[in-house]
């Protein structure tokens, strides 16, 4: 019973799924929570920028936006110096 299925029991399955999602969020296991430990005061930086807020949050929203755009670069292999 997934998605828009008209079958009976879909609501129950969806409720169970949502409970799991809520538990997931409460634990702080989401990507955002894992990458950025944020306080309640700073949570607005994760929503759309408020006009004139850039100075106030020291570019926090901008930094986050840039970090999310970056792709993971492969690690450079360390070459041993030849003796």
PDB file of N, CA and C in Angstrom:
ATOM      1  N   UNK A   1       0.839  -1.194   0.000  1.00  0.00           N
ATOM      2  CA  UNK A   1       0.000   0.000   0.000  1.00  0.00           C
ATOM      3  C   UNK A   1       0.882   1.255   0.000  1.00  0.00           C
ATOM      4  N   UNK A   2       1.334   1.631  -1.156  1.00  0.00           N
ATOM      5  CA  UNK A   2       2.199   2.797  -1.220  1.00  0.00           C
ATOM      6  C   UNK A   2       1.597   3.875  -2.107  1.00  0.00           C
ATOM      7  N   UNK A   3       2.099   5.074  -1.929  1.00  0.00           N
ATOM      8  CA  UNK A   3       1.696   6.178  -2.792  1.00  0.00           C
ATOM      9  C   UNK A   3       0.218   6.460  -2.741  1.00  0.00           C
ATOM     10  N   UNK A   4      -0.392   6.574  -3.919  1.00  0.00           N
ATOM     11  CA  UNK A   4      -1.807   6.942  -4.005  1.00  0.00           C
ATOM     12  C   UNK A   4      -2.706   5.726  -4.174  1.00  0.00           C
ATOM     13  N   UNK A   5      -2.270   4.588  -3.688  1.00  0.00           N
ATOM     14  CA  UNK A   5      -3.061   3.380  -3.904  1.00  0.00           C
ATOM     15  C   UNK A   5      -4.397   3.473  -3.173  1.00  0.00           C
ATOM     16  N   UNK A   6      -5.501   3.137  -3.861  1.00  0.00           N
ATOM     17  CA  UNK A   6      -6.835   3.226  -3.254  1.00  0.00           C
ATOM     18  C   UNK A   6      -7.148   2.015  -2.379  1.00  0.00           C
ATOM     19  N   UNK A   7      -6.178   1.117  -2.238  1.00  0.00           N
ATOM     20  CA  UNK A   7      -6.431  -0.099  -1.478  1.00  0.00           C
ATOM     21  C   UNK A   7      -6.631   0.198   0.009  1.00  0.00           C
ATOM     22  N   UNK A   8      -7.456  -0.612   0.675  1.00  0.00           N
ATOM     23  CA  UNK A   8      -7.654  -0.381   2.101  1.00  0.00           C
ATOM     24  C   UNK A   8      -6.366  -0.653   2.872  1.00  0.00           C
ATOM     25  N   UNK A   9      -6.187   0.083   3.957  1.00  0.00           N
ATOM     26  CA  UNK A   9      -4.986  -0.102   4.764  1.00  0.00           C
ATOM     27  C   UNK A   9      -3.862   0.839   4.388  1.00  0.00           C
ATOM     28  N   UNK A  10      -4.067   1.594   3.312  1.00  0.00           N
ATOM     29  CA  UNK A  10      -3.029   2.535   2.872  1.00  0.00           C
ATOM     30  C   UNK A  10      -2.771   3.572   3.957  1.00  0.00           C
ATOM     31  N   UNK A  11      -3.861   4.063   4.578  1.00  0.00           N
ATOM     32  CA  UNK A  11      -3.724   5.107   5.596  1.00  0.00           C
ATOM     33  C   UNK A  11      -2.894   4.591   6.761  1.00  0.00           C
ATOM     34  N   UNK A  12      -3.158   3.342   7.132  1.00  0.00           N
ATOM     35  CA  UNK A  12      -2.435   2.759   8.259  1.00  0.00           C
ATOM     36  C   UNK A  12      -0.936   2.696   7.944  1.00  0.00           C
ATOM     37  N   UNK A  13      -0.634   2.201   6.749  1.00  0.00           N
ATOM     38  CA  UNK A  13       0.766   2.103   6.345  1.00  0.00           C
ATOM     39  C   UNK A  13       1.433   3.462   6.331  1.00  0.00           C
ATOM     40  N   UNK A  14       0.725   4.458   5.834  1.00  0.00           N
ATOM     41  CA  UNK A  14       1.265   5.812   5.761  1.00  0.00           C
ATOM     42  C   UNK A  14       1.527   6.352   7.161  1.00  0.00           C
ATOM     43  N   UNK A  15       0.594   6.067   8.090  1.00  0.00           N
ATOM     44  CA  UNK A  15       0.751   6.552   9.461  1.00  0.00           C
ATOM     45  C   UNK A  15       2.003   5.941  10.098  1.00  0.00           C
ATOM     46  N   UNK A  16       2.176   4.637   9.892  1.00  0.00           N
ATOM     47  CA  UNK A  16       3.355   3.954  10.439  1.00  0.00           C
ATOM     48  C   UNK A  16       4.623   4.556   9.838  1.00  0.00           C
ATOM     49  N   UNK A  17       4.570   4.788   8.529  1.00  0.00           N
ATOM     50  CA  UNK A  17       5.728   5.372   7.851  1.00  0.00           C
ATOM     51  C   UNK A  17       6.047   6.747   8.430  1.00  0.00           C
ATOM     52  N   UNK A  18       5.007   7.577   8.617  1.00  0.00           N
ATOM     53  CA  UNK A  18       5.214   8.924   9.143  1.00  0.00           C
ATOM     54  C   UNK A  18       5.759   8.876  10.565  1.00  0.00           C
ATOM     55  N   UNK A  19       5.295   7.909  11.356  1.00  0.00           N
ATOM     56  CA  UNK A  19       5.820   7.780  12.718  1.00  0.00           C
ATOM     57  C   UNK A  19       7.311   7.482  12.679  1.00  0.00           C
ATOM     58  N   UNK A  20       7.702   6.625  11.741  1.00  0.00           N
ATOM     59  CA  UNK A  20       9.124   6.300  11.610  1.00  0.00           C
ATOM     60  C   UNK A  20       9.913   7.534  11.204  1.00  0.00           C
ATOM     61  N   UNK A  21       9.355   8.303  10.278  1.00  0.00           N
ATOM     62  CA  UNK A  21      10.035   9.515   9.815  1.00  0.00           C
ATOM     63  C   UNK A  21      10.195  10.484  10.975  1.00  0.00           C
ATOM     64  N   UNK A  22       9.131  10.647  11.769  1.00  0.00           N
ATOM     65  CA  UNK A  22       9.205  11.557  12.917  1.00  0.00           C
ATOM     66  C   UNK A  22      10.284  11.099  13.889  1.00  0.00           C
ATOM     67  N   UNK A  23      10.330   9.791  14.146  1.00  0.00           N
ATOM     68  CA  UNK A  23      11.354   9.260  15.047  1.00  0.00           C
ATOM     69  C   UNK A  23      12.743   9.533  14.501  1.00  0.00           C
ATOM     70  N   UNK A  24      12.873   9.414  13.195  1.00  0.00           N
ATOM     71  CA  UNK A  24      14.135   9.664  12.511  1.00  0.00           C
ATOM     72  C   UNK A  24      14.554  11.113  12.722  1.00  0.00           C
ATOM     73  N   UNK A  25      13.576  12.028  12.579  1.00  0.00           N
ATOM     74  CA  UNK A  25      13.864  13.456  12.747  1.00  0.00           C
ATOM     75  C   UNK A  25      14.231  13.780  14.185  1.00  0.00           C
ATOM     76  N   UNK A  26      13.484  13.177  15.133  1.00  0.00           N
ATOM     77  CA  UNK A  26      13.734  13.472  16.544  1.00  0.00           C
ATOM     78  C   UNK A  26      15.146  13.080  16.945  1.00  0.00           C
ATOM     79  N   UNK A  27      15.621  11.973  16.386  1.00  0.00           N
ATOM     80  CA  UNK A  27      16.965  11.509  16.737  1.00  0.00           C
ATOM     81  C   UNK A  27      18.032  12.415  16.141  1.00  0.00           C
ATOM     82  N   UNK A  28      17.635  13.253  15.192  1.00  0.00           N
ATOM     83  CA  UNK A  28      18.611  14.129  14.561  1.00  0.00           C
ATOM     84  C   UNK A  28      19.527  13.367  13.623  1.00  0.00           C
ATOM     85  N   UNK A  29      18.973  12.357  12.963  1.00  0.00           N
ATOM     86  CA  UNK A  29      19.788  11.545  12.076  1.00  0.00           C
ATOM     87  C   UNK A  29      19.722  12.033  10.633  1.00  0.00           C
ATOM     88  N   UNK A  30      18.944  13.081  10.372  1.00  0.00           N
ATOM     89  CA  UNK A  30      18.819  13.573   9.004  1.00  0.00           C
ATOM     90  C   UNK A  30      20.132  14.162   8.513  1.00  0.00           C
ATOM     91  N   UNK A  31      20.257  14.334   7.215  1.00  0.00           N
ATOM     92  CA  UNK A  31      21.497  14.861   6.650  1.00  0.00           C
ATOM     93  C   UNK A  31      21.853  16.215   7.229  1.00  0.00           C
ATOM     94  N   UNK A  32      20.863  17.097   7.268  1.00  0.00           N
ATOM     95  CA  UNK A  32      21.154  18.443   7.755  1.00  0.00           C
ATOM     96  C   UNK A  32      21.651  18.412   9.183  1.00  0.00           C
ATOM     97  N   UNK A  33      20.964  17.637  10.038  1.00  0.00           N
ATOM     98  CA  UNK A  33      21.347  17.608  11.434  1.00  0.00           C
ATOM     99  C   UNK A  33      22.737  17.000  11.589  1.00  0.00           C
ATOM    100  N   UNK A  34      23.050  16.023  10.747  1.00  0.00           N
ATOM    101  CA  UNK A  34      24.343  15.362  10.878  1.00  0.00           C
ATOM    102  C   UNK A  34      25.464  16.291  10.439  1.00  0.00           C
ATOM    103  N   UNK A  35      25.224  17.011   9.333  1.00  0.00           N
ATOM    104  CA  UNK A  35      26.286  17.873   8.806  1.00  0.00           C
ATOM    105  C   UNK A  35      26.424  19.160   9.590  1.00  0.00           C
ATOM    106  N   UNK A  36      25.320  19.671  10.085  1.00  0.00           N
ATOM    107  CA  UNK A  36      25.340  20.950  10.788  1.00  0.00           C
ATOM    108  C   UNK A  36      24.631  20.796  12.115  1.00  0.00           C
ATOM    109  N   UNK A  37      25.355  20.982  13.182  1.00  0.00           N
ATOM    110  CA  UNK A  37      24.704  20.983  14.486  1.00  0.00           C
ATOM    111  C   UNK A  37      24.199  22.406  14.686  1.00  0.00           C
ATOM    112  N   UNK A  38      22.899  22.594  14.555  1.00  0.00           N
ATOM    113  CA  UNK A  38      22.364  23.954  14.598  1.00  0.00           C
ATOM    114  C   UNK A  38      21.503  24.156  15.824  1.00  0.00           C
ATOM    115  N   UNK A  39      21.530  25.390  16.312  1.00  0.00           N
ATOM    116  CA  UNK A  39      20.709  25.736  17.464  1.00  0.00           C
ATOM    117  C   UNK A  39      19.383  26.289  16.959  1.00  0.00           C
ATOM    118  N   UNK A  40      18.424  26.413  17.840  1.00  0.00           N
ATOM    119  CA  UNK A  40      17.103  26.908  17.451  1.00  0.00           C
ATOM    120  C   UNK A  40      17.172  28.319  16.880  1.00  0.00           C
ATOM    121  N   UNK A  41      18.066  29.143  17.426  1.00  0.00           N
ATOM    122  CA  UNK A  41      18.150  30.532  16.945  1.00  0.00           C
ATOM    123  C   UNK A  41      18.613  30.576  15.492  1.00  0.00           C
ATOM    124  N   UNK A  42      19.419  29.611  15.105  1.00  0.00           N
ATOM    125  CA  UNK A  42      19.980  29.618  13.757  1.00  0.00           C
ATOM    126  C   UNK A  42      19.129  28.874  12.749  1.00  0.00           C
ATOM    127  N   UNK A  43      18.046  28.247  13.189  1.00  0.00           N
ATOM    128  CA  UNK A  43      17.264  27.420  12.271  1.00  0.00           C
ATOM    129  C   UNK A  43      16.690  28.210  11.103  1.00  0.00           C
ATOM    130  N   UNK A  44      16.428  29.501  11.307  1.00  0.00           N
ATOM    131  CA  UNK A  44      15.849  30.295  10.219  1.00  0.00           C
ATOM    132  C   UNK A  44      16.801  30.372   9.042  1.00  0.00           C
ATOM    133  N   UNK A  45      18.099  30.177   9.274  1.00  0.00           N
ATOM    134  CA  UNK A  45      19.071  30.248   8.183  1.00  0.00           C
ATOM    135  C   UNK A  45      18.860  29.112   7.187  1.00  0.00           C
ATOM    136  N   UNK A  46      18.134  28.077   7.599  1.00  0.00           N
ATOM    137  CA  UNK A  46      17.884  26.954   6.712  1.00  0.00           C
ATOM    138  C   UNK A  46      16.674  27.214   5.832  1.00  0.00           C
ATOM    139  N   UNK A  47      15.912  28.239   6.163  1.00  0.00           N
ATOM    140  CA  UNK A  47      14.779  28.602   5.317  1.00  0.00           C
ATOM    141  C   UNK A  47      15.245  29.711   4.385  1.00  0.00           C
ATOM    142  N   UNK A  48      14.334  30.312   3.653  1.00  0.00           N
ATOM    143  CA  UNK A  48      14.729  31.374   2.731  1.00  0.00           C
ATOM    144  C   UNK A  48      15.328  32.533   3.508  1.00  0.00           C
ATOM    145  N   UNK A  49      16.306  33.177   2.887  1.00  0.00           N
ATOM    146  CA  UNK A  49      16.975  34.289   3.560  1.00  0.00           C
ATOM    147  C   UNK A  49      16.021  35.453   3.742  1.00  0.00           C
ATOM    148  N   UNK A  50      16.080  36.035   4.904  1.00  0.00           N
ATOM    149  CA  UNK A  50      15.265  37.207   5.183  1.00  0.00           C
ATOM    150  C   UNK A  50      16.080  38.406   4.716  1.00  0.00           C
ATOM    151  N   UNK A  51      15.397  39.427   4.188  1.00  0.00           N
ATOM    152  CA  UNK A  51      16.112  40.581   3.673  1.00  0.00           C
ATOM    153  C   UNK A  51      16.898  41.258   4.794  1.00  0.00           C
ATOM    154  N   UNK A  52      18.163  41.541   4.533  1.00  0.00           N
ATOM    155  CA  UNK A  52      19.002  42.204   5.530  1.00  0.00           C
ATOM    156  C   UNK A  52      19.520  41.279   6.613  1.00  0.00           C
ATOM    157  N   UNK A  53      19.338  39.984   6.424  1.00  0.00           N
ATOM    158  CA  UNK A  53      19.750  39.056   7.483  1.00  0.00           C
ATOM    159  C   UNK A  53      21.157  38.522   7.253  1.00  0.00           C
ATOM    160  N   UNK A  54      21.718  38.790   6.093  1.00  0.00           N
ATOM    161  CA  UNK A  54      23.018  38.206   5.757  1.00  0.00           C
ATOM    162  C   UNK A  54      24.085  38.624   6.765  1.00  0.00           C
ATOM    163  N   UNK A  55      24.074  39.908   7.134  1.00  0.00           N
ATOM    164  CA  UNK A  55      25.056  40.413   8.078  1.00  0.00           C
ATOM    165  C   UNK A  55      24.835  39.778   9.450  1.00  0.00           C
ATOM    166  N   UNK A  56      23.563  39.625   9.797  1.00  0.00           N
ATOM    167  CA  UNK A  56      23.191  39.115  11.119  1.00  0.00           C
ATOM    168  C   UNK A  56      23.673  37.679  11.334  1.00  0.00           C
ATOM    169  N   UNK A  57      23.577  36.849  10.306  1.00  0.00           N
ATOM    170  CA  UNK A  57      23.975  35.445  10.490  1.00  0.00           C
ATOM    171  C   UNK A  57      25.405  35.176  10.017  1.00  0.00           C
ATOM    172  N   UNK A  58      26.157  36.236   9.706  1.00  0.00           N
ATOM    173  CA  UNK A  58      27.568  36.113   9.318  1.00  0.00           C
ATOM    174  C   UNK A  58      27.743  35.200   8.105  1.00  0.00           C
ATOM    175  N   UNK A  59      26.783  35.223   7.197  1.00  0.00           N
ATOM    176  CA  UNK A  59      26.892  34.425   5.982  1.00  0.00           C
ATOM    177  C   UNK A  59      26.659  32.940   6.191  1.00  0.00           C
ATOM    178  N   UNK A  60      26.020  32.593   7.296  1.00  0.00           N
ATOM    179  CA  UNK A  60      25.801  31.178   7.608  1.00  0.00           C
ATOM    180  C   UNK A  60      24.982  30.489   6.524  1.00  0.00           C
ATOM    181  N   UNK A  61      23.894  31.132   6.085  1.00  0.00           N
ATOM    182  CA  UNK A  61      23.033  30.534   5.058  1.00  0.00           C
ATOM    183  C   UNK A  61      23.811  30.383   3.751  1.00  0.00           C
ATOM    184  N   UNK A  62      24.630  31.390   3.454  1.00  0.00           N
ATOM    185  CA  UNK A  62      25.426  31.358   2.227  1.00  0.00           C
ATOM    186  C   UNK A  62      26.440  30.213   2.274  1.00  0.00           C
ATOM    187  N   UNK A  63      27.098  30.064   3.412  1.00  0.00           N
ATOM    188  CA  UNK A  63      28.079  28.982   3.570  1.00  0.00           C
ATOM    189  C   UNK A  63      27.405  27.634   3.387  1.00  0.00           C
ATOM    190  N   UNK A  64      26.233  27.491   3.982  1.00  0.00           N
ATOM    191  CA  UNK A  64      25.512  26.227   3.888  1.00  0.00           C
ATOM    192  C   UNK A  64      25.149  25.930   2.439  1.00  0.00           C
ATOM    193  N   UNK A  65      24.675  26.971   1.731  1.00  0.00           N
ATOM    194  CA  UNK A  65      24.272  26.786   0.342  1.00  0.00           C
ATOM    195  C   UNK A  65      25.466  26.326  -0.494  1.00  0.00           C
ATOM    196  N   UNK A  66      26.618  26.961  -0.276  1.00  0.00           N
ATOM    197  CA  UNK A  66      27.811  26.598  -1.033  1.00  0.00           C
ATOM    198  C   UNK A  66      28.252  25.181  -0.716  1.00  0.00           C
ATOM    199  N   UNK A  67      28.210  24.830   0.570  1.00  0.00           N
ATOM    200  CA  UNK A  67      28.659  23.501   0.985  1.00  0.00           C
ATOM    201  C   UNK A  67      27.786  22.416   0.369  1.00  0.00           C
ATOM    202  N   UNK A  68      26.485  22.685   0.268  1.00  0.00           N
ATOM    203  CA  UNK A  68      25.590  21.687  -0.296  1.00  0.00           C
ATOM    204  C   UNK A  68      25.794  21.537  -1.798  1.00  0.00           C
ATOM    205  N   UNK A  69      26.258  22.609  -2.468  1.00  0.00           N
ATOM    206  CA  UNK A  69      26.492  22.557  -3.908  1.00  0.00           C
ATOM    207  C   UNK A  69      27.722  21.718  -4.233  1.00  0.00           C
ATOM    208  N   UNK A  70      28.737  21.777  -3.357  1.00  0.00           N
ATOM    209  CA  UNK A  70      30.008  21.111  -3.635  1.00  0.00           C
ATOM    210  C   UNK A  70      29.830  19.606  -3.744  1.00  0.00           C
ATOM    211  N   UNK A  71      30.526  19.045  -4.697  1.00  0.00           N
ATOM    212  CA  UNK A  71      30.531  17.589  -4.806  1.00  0.00           C
ATOM    213  C   UNK A  71      31.730  17.092  -4.011  1.00  0.00           C
ATOM    214  N   UNK A  72      31.651  15.881  -3.555  1.00  0.00           N
ATOM    215  CA  UNK A  72      32.762  15.341  -2.784  1.00  0.00           C
ATOM    216  C   UNK A  72      33.932  15.086  -3.722  1.00  0.00           C
ATOM    217  N   UNK A  73      35.070  15.666  -3.396  1.00  0.00           N
ATOM    218  CA  UNK A  73      36.254  15.458  -4.228  1.00  0.00           C
ATOM    219  C   UNK A  73      36.975  14.198  -3.761  1.00  0.00           C
ATOM    220  N   UNK A  74      37.543  13.459  -4.697  1.00  0.00           N
ATOM    221  CA  UNK A  74      38.310  12.285  -4.270  1.00  0.00           C
ATOM    222  C   UNK A  74      39.560  12.729  -3.518  1.00  0.00           C
ATOM    223  N   UNK A  75      39.962  11.957  -2.535  1.00  0.00           N
ATOM    224  CA  UNK A  75      41.143  12.310  -1.761  1.00  0.00           C
ATOM    225  C   UNK A  75      42.392  12.181  -2.627  1.00  0.00           C
ATOM    226  N   UNK A  76      43.314  13.126  -2.436  1.00  0.00           N
ATOM    227  CA  UNK A  76      44.572  13.063  -3.184  1.00  0.00           C
ATOM    228  C   UNK A  76      45.425  11.955  -2.583  1.00  0.00           C
ATOM    229  N   UNK A  77      45.979  11.145  -3.450  1.00  0.00           N
ATOM    230  CA  UNK A  77      46.835  10.066  -2.959  1.00  0.00           C
ATOM    231  C   UNK A  77      48.195  10.649  -2.582  1.00  0.00           C
ATOM    232  N   UNK A  78      48.645  10.308  -1.395  1.00  0.00           N
ATOM    233  CA  UNK A  78      49.947  10.806  -0.949  1.00  0.00           C
ATOM    234  C   UNK A  78      51.047   9.970  -1.585  1.00  0.00           C
ATOM    235  N   UNK A  79      51.974  10.652  -2.203  1.00  0.00           N
ATOM    236  CA  UNK A  79      53.096   9.951  -2.836  1.00  0.00           C
ATOM    237  C   UNK A  79      54.281   9.972  -1.884  1.00  0.00           C
ATOM    238  N   UNK A  80      54.859   8.820  -1.707  1.00  0.00           N
ATOM    239  CA  UNK A  80      56.038   8.758  -0.840  1.00  0.00           C
ATOM    240  C   UNK A  80      57.230   9.341  -1.584  1.00  0.00           C
ATOM    241  N   UNK A  81      58.001  10.114  -0.862  1.00  0.00           N
ATOM    242  CA  UNK A  81      59.196  10.700  -1.475  1.00  0.00           C
ATOM    243  C   UNK A  81      60.209   9.595  -1.751  1.00  0.00           C
ATOM    244  N   UNK A  82      60.700   9.583  -2.987  1.00  0.00           N
ATOM    245  CA  UNK A  82      61.693   8.566  -3.348  1.00  0.00           C
ATOM    246  C   UNK A  82      63.040   8.938  -2.749  1.00  0.00           C
ATOM    247  N   UNK A  83      63.683   7.948  -2.140  1.00  0.00           N
ATOM    248  CA  UNK A  83      64.986   8.231  -1.511  1.00  0.00           C
ATOM    249  C   UNK A  83      66.119   7.979  -2.485  1.00  0.00           C
TER     250      UNK A  83
END
